[in-house]
Each structure stands twice: as structure tokens, then as C-alpha cells.
């Protein structure tokens, strides 16, 4: 019965689609103000979504990074079924603050004994003065979603993906330069998050997410107008592969090393330390947080 009641809630709170104007006349207000960056006037957008990850972990090869700052994903979807995520307007679609890499430079770089003297000296100089390294997720492809899978993980063997993220990881430290990435636009890290149970290759073992708790927040209950609030959702994937790092090494340091060799030496040291490339079954993403989903028509009607 719970599943049936939720379907009614979804129909009442999310799946109402109205004709939308071609330009935004105002700003969403009240309970719908959180959806102000949703492209709710796009006629293809049936619902607005905002998902905030508050905690979790991202394990890439031998490096584990805790998620301790909110990661916000927002935009519009056609429906709660399979849909592209339409980019936010006036704000970021994916806001992922830089995360500190445990150990800094020493945590991700393994300087080789055959490094040229100037490179060796520069590395240990930065370890002493600026060891911190940050890692930032950057999307390189459009996001694909299926929030129906989030609410009701499929048990029939169909694709359980809730959100498909194709990203690269930007590693930043003056020693690494401005173009040090794990993955690329051409060869990204592809994470397929779900709320069900994974089936990864070894050595990883299955882990389970959680749909969380779903409630309907009524903003006009007599007329069955409201939005969905999903709390304590856990999205997981431990079946993805991670490509090697490349582009590492700051040419602006003026080291007497030609750029391709500098890249090979420093990127190679990062890959050796982190364990890249890392095959499927050796990496894990766990993201826990909350989501809100509202009909674009209700967001439009809330404009001031």
C-alpha cells in the first residue's frame, strides 16, 4: 500500500505539467524559492529538482576522500522516469566544493629516485610550504537521471541508475599546475549512482543504498498542490573504473625540463601513488543527502 500511496503523491505533487511562458517574469517564492535556478519555463521541463549531498566518501584507487562539504545538483527533468537533467539557469548545475586530499602532496605523489634534481627540490619545497591538494569534481557530459529508480529501486534486472555522472577530477596545488586531472572529457570517470544494491566485480563486494524517507510537503493541500521531499537518501556505486591522471606538473615553475617529460614524470608519480588507472571493482562512491522535486507549473505559479 505504501508504494501505491507514493504513486498518488508523485502524481499530485510532481507530474502536473502546465503551459509555460518563454521568459521568466519573476522569481519563485515561498516554499518554491529553492527552485529559482530551475529552467521551469522550458516547455520540456516537467519538474524541478535539487539534490544536496551532505556526507559520503569517494574512493579512487588507493586514495579515499571524505565528502564533508555539501555537493548540490539542480536543474530540470522531463519526468521522474529516465530524463536528461536540464541545466540550471543563473546558477551552477553541479556545485562541488574542492575537497582536501588526505596527506596533500605526500598523499598523492610518490617522487621517484630518478627525478631530475630541480624537480626533486621543487617538490620538497612545496611539501614544506604548500602541501595541501584539493580535488574538485567537474562534469564533462550532460547528466542523465531517473528519480523513479531512486524512489523504487528496480528488482527486475533493469538498469537501476538514478544519476549518471561523467566527470573528471581536478587536482590543484602549485606544484601540480592548473591542468592536472584524473580522467578527461574524452575519457571521464563515469559514476552510475543507485539506491539499490550494487553488483561490482571483485575485489569490491556489493553495497546497498537507500531510497530514504519520502514525504509530500503540501503548499495548498485542498487543491493537492505540493512537492516531494526525500530525506536521508543514500546513492552508491562501486562498479566504476577510474582513468589515469594526466597534465600534472607546473611549467610556470621554470624548471629546466621540457613539458612532455615534466607531465610524464609528475603524472606518473601521481598515478603510482594513487593507483591509477584503477579498474572497475576497486573504487567506491557513497553520497548521502536530501532531494526536493516539484512540478515546474507550481514553481512558475509561485513567482512574485
Protein backbone atom coordinates (compact mmCIF):
# COMPACT_ATOMS: atom_id res chain seq x y z
CA UNK A 1 0.00 0.00 0.00
CA UNK A 2 2.87 2.37 0.69
CA UNK A 3 4.06 2.14 -2.89
CA UNK A 4 0.56 2.91 -4.17
CA UNK A 5 0.19 5.94 -1.90
CA UNK A 6 3.55 7.24 -3.03
CA UNK A 7 2.49 6.93 -6.66
CA UNK A 8 -0.54 9.07 -5.86
CA UNK A 9 1.71 11.57 -4.09
CA UNK A 10 4.01 11.69 -7.09
CA UNK A 11 1.09 12.26 -9.44
CA UNK A 12 -0.28 15.02 -7.24
CA UNK A 13 2.96 16.75 -6.35
CA UNK A 14 5.24 16.22 -9.32
CA UNK A 15 3.64 15.10 -12.54
CA UNK A 16 1.47 18.15 -13.16
CA UNK A 17 2.63 19.90 -16.31
CA UNK A 18 1.26 23.25 -17.45
CA UNK A 19 1.90 25.53 -20.39
CA UNK A 20 4.92 27.69 -19.56
CA UNK A 21 5.80 31.11 -20.98
CA UNK A 22 9.01 31.55 -22.90
CA UNK A 23 10.57 34.01 -20.44
CA UNK A 24 10.84 34.20 -16.68
CA UNK A 25 8.64 37.02 -15.41
CA UNK A 26 9.60 36.86 -11.78
CA UNK A 27 11.30 34.82 -9.08
CA UNK A 28 9.86 31.74 -7.34
CA UNK A 29 8.81 32.49 -3.78
CA UNK A 30 7.87 30.76 -0.57
CA UNK A 31 8.43 27.02 -0.44
CA UNK A 32 9.39 27.05 -4.13
CA UNK A 33 12.16 29.65 -3.80
CA UNK A 34 14.71 26.81 -3.61
CA UNK A 35 13.96 26.07 -7.28
CA UNK A 36 14.83 29.56 -8.53
CA UNK A 37 17.61 28.23 -10.79
CA UNK A 38 15.40 25.57 -12.38
CA UNK A 39 14.68 26.14 -16.11
CA UNK A 40 10.98 25.89 -15.30
CA UNK A 41 9.86 27.93 -18.33
CA UNK A 42 11.39 25.38 -20.69
CA UNK A 43 8.40 23.50 -22.13
CA UNK A 44 10.37 20.24 -21.98
CA UNK A 45 10.83 20.54 -18.21
CA UNK A 46 8.04 18.92 -16.24
CA UNK A 47 9.66 19.03 -12.80
CA UNK A 48 12.36 20.90 -10.93
CA UNK A 49 14.88 19.05 -8.78
CA UNK A 50 17.51 19.96 -6.25
CA UNK A 51 19.67 17.31 -4.60
CA UNK A 52 22.12 18.08 -1.80
CA UNK A 53 24.76 15.55 -0.76
CA UNK A 54 25.77 16.27 2.83
CA UNK A 55 28.12 13.38 3.53
CA UNK A 56 29.75 10.37 1.98
CA UNK A 57 33.01 9.15 0.55
CA UNK A 58 34.78 8.94 -2.79
CA UNK A 59 37.43 6.22 -3.03
CA UNK A 60 39.63 6.35 -6.11
CA UNK A 61 42.28 3.69 -6.30
CA UNK A 62 44.30 3.88 -3.09
CA UNK A 63 43.01 7.33 -2.10
CA UNK A 64 39.85 7.87 -0.03
CA UNK A 65 38.36 11.35 0.17
CA UNK A 66 35.54 12.08 2.62
CA UNK A 67 32.67 14.25 1.41
CA UNK A 68 32.33 16.82 4.17
CA UNK A 69 31.00 19.83 2.23
CA UNK A 70 27.60 19.99 0.51
CA UNK A 71 27.50 18.97 -3.15
CA UNK A 72 24.44 20.48 -4.85
CA UNK A 73 22.92 19.16 -8.07
CA UNK A 74 19.99 21.13 -9.50
CA UNK A 75 18.06 21.71 -12.70
CA UNK A 76 15.01 20.40 -14.50
CA UNK A 77 13.79 16.99 -15.68
CA UNK A 78 11.12 15.88 -18.12
CA UNK A 79 9.64 13.40 -15.64
CA UNK A 80 10.72 11.23 -12.72
CA UNK A 81 11.47 8.49 -15.22
CA UNK A 82 14.51 8.42 -17.50
CA UNK A 83 15.36 12.00 -18.39
CA UNK A 84 18.30 14.24 -19.12
CA UNK A 85 18.97 16.86 -16.48
CA UNK A 86 18.34 20.28 -17.99
CA UNK A 87 20.99 22.73 -16.83
CA UNK A 88 20.27 25.25 -14.12
CA UNK A 89 19.73 28.85 -15.25
CA UNK A 90 21.54 31.62 -13.37
CA UNK A 91 23.31 29.17 -11.07
CA UNK A 92 25.55 26.10 -11.25
CA UNK A 93 24.01 22.78 -12.25
CA UNK A 94 26.63 20.96 -10.16
CA UNK A 95 28.23 22.78 -7.26
CA UNK A 96 31.01 20.61 -5.85
CA UNK A 97 33.35 22.49 -3.49
CA UNK A 98 37.02 21.49 -3.58
CA UNK A 99 37.76 18.67 -1.15
CA UNK A 100 41.07 18.32 0.64
CA UNK A 101 43.04 15.27 -0.38
CA UNK A 102 44.29 13.38 2.71
CA UNK A 103 48.04 13.80 3.05
CA UNK A 104 48.26 16.59 0.47
CA UNK A 105 51.12 16.24 -1.99
CA UNK A 106 52.60 13.44 0.06
CA UNK A 107 49.24 11.66 -0.15
CA UNK A 108 49.05 11.58 -3.95
CA UNK A 109 52.60 11.98 -5.28
CA UNK A 110 55.34 9.39 -4.97
CA UNK A 111 58.55 11.17 -6.09
CA UNK A 112 60.77 8.79 -8.00
CA UNK A 113 64.50 8.46 -7.26
CA UNK A 114 65.27 9.21 -10.90
CA UNK A 115 63.58 12.62 -10.86
CA UNK A 116 65.88 15.42 -12.03
CA UNK A 117 67.38 17.39 -9.15
CA UNK A 118 65.40 20.62 -9.79
CA UNK A 119 62.09 18.72 -9.80
CA UNK A 120 63.02 16.88 -6.60
CA UNK A 121 63.95 20.16 -4.91
CA UNK A 122 60.73 21.88 -6.05
CA UNK A 123 58.57 19.02 -4.77
CA UNK A 124 60.02 19.00 -1.27
CA UNK A 125 59.89 22.79 -1.20
CA UNK A 126 56.14 22.71 -1.80
CA UNK A 127 55.67 19.90 0.72
CA UNK A 128 57.27 22.18 3.30
CA UNK A 129 55.35 25.34 2.35
CA UNK A 130 52.16 24.41 0.46
CA UNK A 131 51.39 20.72 0.87
CA UNK A 132 47.58 20.95 0.59
CA UNK A 133 45.95 19.45 -2.50
CA UNK A 134 42.29 19.89 -3.39
CA UNK A 135 40.15 17.70 -5.64
CA UNK A 136 37.11 19.06 -7.48
CA UNK A 137 34.54 17.10 -9.47
CA UNK A 138 33.87 18.71 -12.85
CA UNK A 139 31.10 17.40 -15.16
CA UNK A 140 32.20 16.81 -18.75
CA UNK A 141 28.94 15.42 -20.15
CA UNK A 142 25.26 16.06 -19.60
CA UNK A 143 23.75 14.26 -16.62
CA UNK A 144 21.15 11.53 -17.04
CA UNK A 145 18.62 10.87 -14.28
CA UNK A 146 15.85 8.51 -13.24
CA UNK A 147 14.34 9.62 -9.94
CA UNK A 148 11.74 6.87 -10.19
CA UNK A 149 14.61 4.43 -9.60
CA UNK A 150 15.59 6.46 -6.54
CA UNK A 151 12.17 6.02 -5.00
CA UNK A 152 11.60 2.43 -6.13
CA UNK A 153 14.85 0.56 -6.91
CA UNK A 154 14.02 -1.94 -9.69
CA UNK A 155 14.09 -5.62 -8.86
CA UNK A 156 13.51 -6.96 -12.37
CA UNK A 157 17.10 -6.66 -13.57
CA UNK A 158 16.56 -3.36 -15.41
CA UNK A 159 19.06 -0.52 -15.17
CA UNK A 160 18.88 0.80 -11.56
CA UNK A 161 20.78 4.04 -12.24
CA UNK A 162 19.38 7.13 -10.54
CA UNK A 163 22.02 9.55 -11.80
CA UNK A 164 24.78 9.02 -14.35
CA UNK A 165 27.67 11.39 -13.74
CA UNK A 166 30.52 11.69 -16.24
CA UNK A 167 33.20 13.74 -14.51
CA UNK A 168 36.88 14.49 -14.32
CA UNK A 169 38.67 15.24 -11.05
CA UNK A 170 40.74 18.43 -10.95
CA UNK A 171 43.75 18.13 -8.62
CA UNK A 172 45.09 21.52 -7.56
CA UNK A 173 48.36 22.55 -5.94
CA UNK A 174 51.02 24.97 -7.25
CA UNK A 175 53.40 22.06 -7.83
CA UNK A 176 50.79 20.21 -9.91
CA UNK A 177 49.90 23.20 -12.10
CA UNK A 178 46.48 24.12 -13.48
CA UNK A 179 45.83 21.15 -15.75
CA UNK A 180 46.26 18.10 -13.52
CA UNK A 181 43.19 15.90 -13.97
CA UNK A 182 42.09 12.37 -13.23
CA UNK A 183 40.03 11.49 -16.28
CA UNK A 184 39.19 13.81 -19.15
CA UNK A 185 36.34 14.94 -21.37
CA UNK A 186 37.25 12.14 -23.76
CA UNK A 187 37.82 9.52 -21.06
CA UNK A 188 35.82 10.50 -17.98
CA UNK A 189 35.08 8.84 -14.68
CA UNK A 190 31.53 7.52 -15.18
CA UNK A 191 29.64 7.01 -11.92
CA UNK A 192 26.19 5.39 -12.00
CA UNK A 193 24.58 6.07 -8.65
CA UNK A 194 21.70 3.97 -7.37
CA UNK A 195 19.68 3.43 -4.19
CA UNK A 196 19.57 -0.36 -4.58
CA UNK A 197 22.31 -2.96 -4.17
CA UNK A 198 25.36 -2.95 -6.42
CA UNK A 199 26.86 -5.94 -8.23
CA UNK A 200 30.53 -4.95 -8.62
CA UNK A 201 33.40 -7.04 -9.91
CA UNK A 202 35.84 -8.27 -7.29
CA UNK A 203 37.56 -7.27 -5.10
CA UNK A 204 34.67 -4.94 -4.20
CA UNK A 205 31.64 -6.56 -2.58
CA UNK A 206 28.00 -5.48 -3.02
CA UNK A 207 26.89 -2.43 -1.07
CA UNK A 208 23.38 -1.04 -0.70
CA UNK A 209 21.99 2.45 -0.95
CA UNK A 210 18.69 3.64 0.46
CA UNK A 211 15.68 5.44 -1.05
CA UNK A 212 15.37 7.36 2.20
CA UNK A 213 12.10 8.74 3.51
CA UNK A 214 9.62 10.28 1.08
CA UNK A 215 7.01 12.83 2.15
CA UNK A 216 4.73 15.21 0.32
CA UNK A 217 5.02 18.80 1.50
CA UNK A 218 1.65 20.38 0.78
CA UNK A 219 1.67 24.06 -0.11
CA UNK A 220 -2.06 24.07 -0.95
CA UNK A 221 -3.45 20.84 0.41
CA UNK A 222 -7.12 21.41 -0.52
CA UNK A 223 -6.03 21.60 -4.16
CA UNK A 224 -3.42 18.83 -3.81
CA UNK A 225 -0.55 21.17 -4.64
CA UNK A 226 2.85 20.46 -3.12
CA UNK A 227 6.27 18.99 -3.72
CA UNK A 228 8.17 15.83 -2.84
CA UNK A 229 10.78 15.86 -0.09
CA UNK A 230 13.16 12.89 0.04
CA UNK A 231 15.37 12.74 3.12
CA UNK A 232 18.36 10.56 4.03
CA UNK A 233 18.80 9.11 0.56
CA UNK A 234 21.99 7.10 0.06
CA UNK A 235 23.28 6.81 -3.51
CA UNK A 236 26.05 4.30 -4.17
CA UNK A 237 28.27 2.88 -6.91
CA UNK A 238 31.33 0.66 -6.54
CA UNK A 239 31.48 -0.74 -10.07
CA UNK A 240 33.13 2.14 -11.94
CA UNK A 241 36.64 2.40 -13.33
CA UNK A 242 38.94 5.42 -12.99
CA UNK A 243 41.38 6.51 -15.73
CA UNK A 244 44.91 7.72 -15.15
CA UNK A 245 45.88 11.26 -14.21
CA UNK A 246 47.47 13.50 -16.84
CA UNK A 247 48.59 17.07 -17.33
CA UNK A 248 50.34 17.28 -13.96
CA UNK A 249 53.43 19.42 -13.37
CA UNK A 250 53.61 23.22 -13.26
CA UNK A 251 55.54 24.54 -16.26
CA UNK A 252 55.38 28.03 -14.71
CA UNK A 253 57.94 26.92 -12.12
CA UNK A 254 60.57 27.41 -14.80
CA UNK A 255 62.17 24.01 -14.29
CA UNK A 256 64.73 23.02 -16.94
CA UNK A 257 62.51 20.12 -18.06
CA UNK A 258 60.55 20.07 -21.30
CA UNK A 259 56.78 19.93 -20.81
CA UNK A 260 56.08 16.36 -22.06
CA UNK A 261 58.77 14.96 -19.77
CA UNK A 262 57.54 17.04 -16.82
CA UNK A 263 54.00 15.76 -17.42
CA UNK A 264 55.19 12.16 -17.68
CA UNK A 265 57.27 12.39 -14.51
CA UNK A 266 54.71 14.13 -12.28
CA UNK A 267 51.57 12.46 -13.68
CA UNK A 268 53.37 9.14 -13.45
CA UNK A 269 54.17 9.79 -9.80
CA UNK A 270 50.52 10.65 -9.09
CA UNK A 271 49.32 7.50 -10.84
CA UNK A 272 51.80 5.34 -8.95
CA UNK A 273 50.79 6.74 -5.57
CA UNK A 274 47.02 6.81 -6.15
CA UNK A 275 46.93 3.51 -8.03
CA UNK A 276 45.71 4.75 -11.41
CA UNK A 277 44.29 3.71 -13.71
CA UNK A 278 42.04 1.83 -11.32
CA UNK A 279 39.90 -0.98 -12.71
CA UNK A 280 36.21 -1.43 -12.01
CA UNK A 281 35.71 -3.08 -8.65
CA UNK A 282 38.39 -1.04 -6.88
CA UNK A 283 36.59 2.30 -6.49
CA UNK A 284 33.59 3.46 -4.48
CA UNK A 285 31.20 6.42 -4.32
CA UNK A 286 28.74 6.83 -1.46
CA UNK A 287 26.64 10.01 -1.35
CA UNK A 288 24.04 10.65 1.35
CA UNK A 289 21.69 13.61 1.40
CA UNK A 290 18.29 15.03 0.56
CA UNK A 291 16.30 15.88 -2.56
CA UNK A 292 13.29 18.01 -3.42
CA UNK A 293 11.16 17.61 -6.57
CA UNK A 294 8.40 19.99 -7.65
CA UNK A 295 6.20 20.42 -10.69
CA UNK A 296 7.55 23.21 -12.89
CA UNK A 297 3.98 24.54 -13.07
CA UNK A 298 3.87 25.03 -9.30
CA UNK A 299 7.25 26.75 -9.34
CA UNK A 300 6.02 29.08 -12.07
CA UNK A 301 2.81 29.85 -10.17
CA UNK A 302 4.83 30.89 -7.11
CA UNK A 303 6.54 33.77 -8.93
CA UNK A 304 6.30 37.18 -7.32
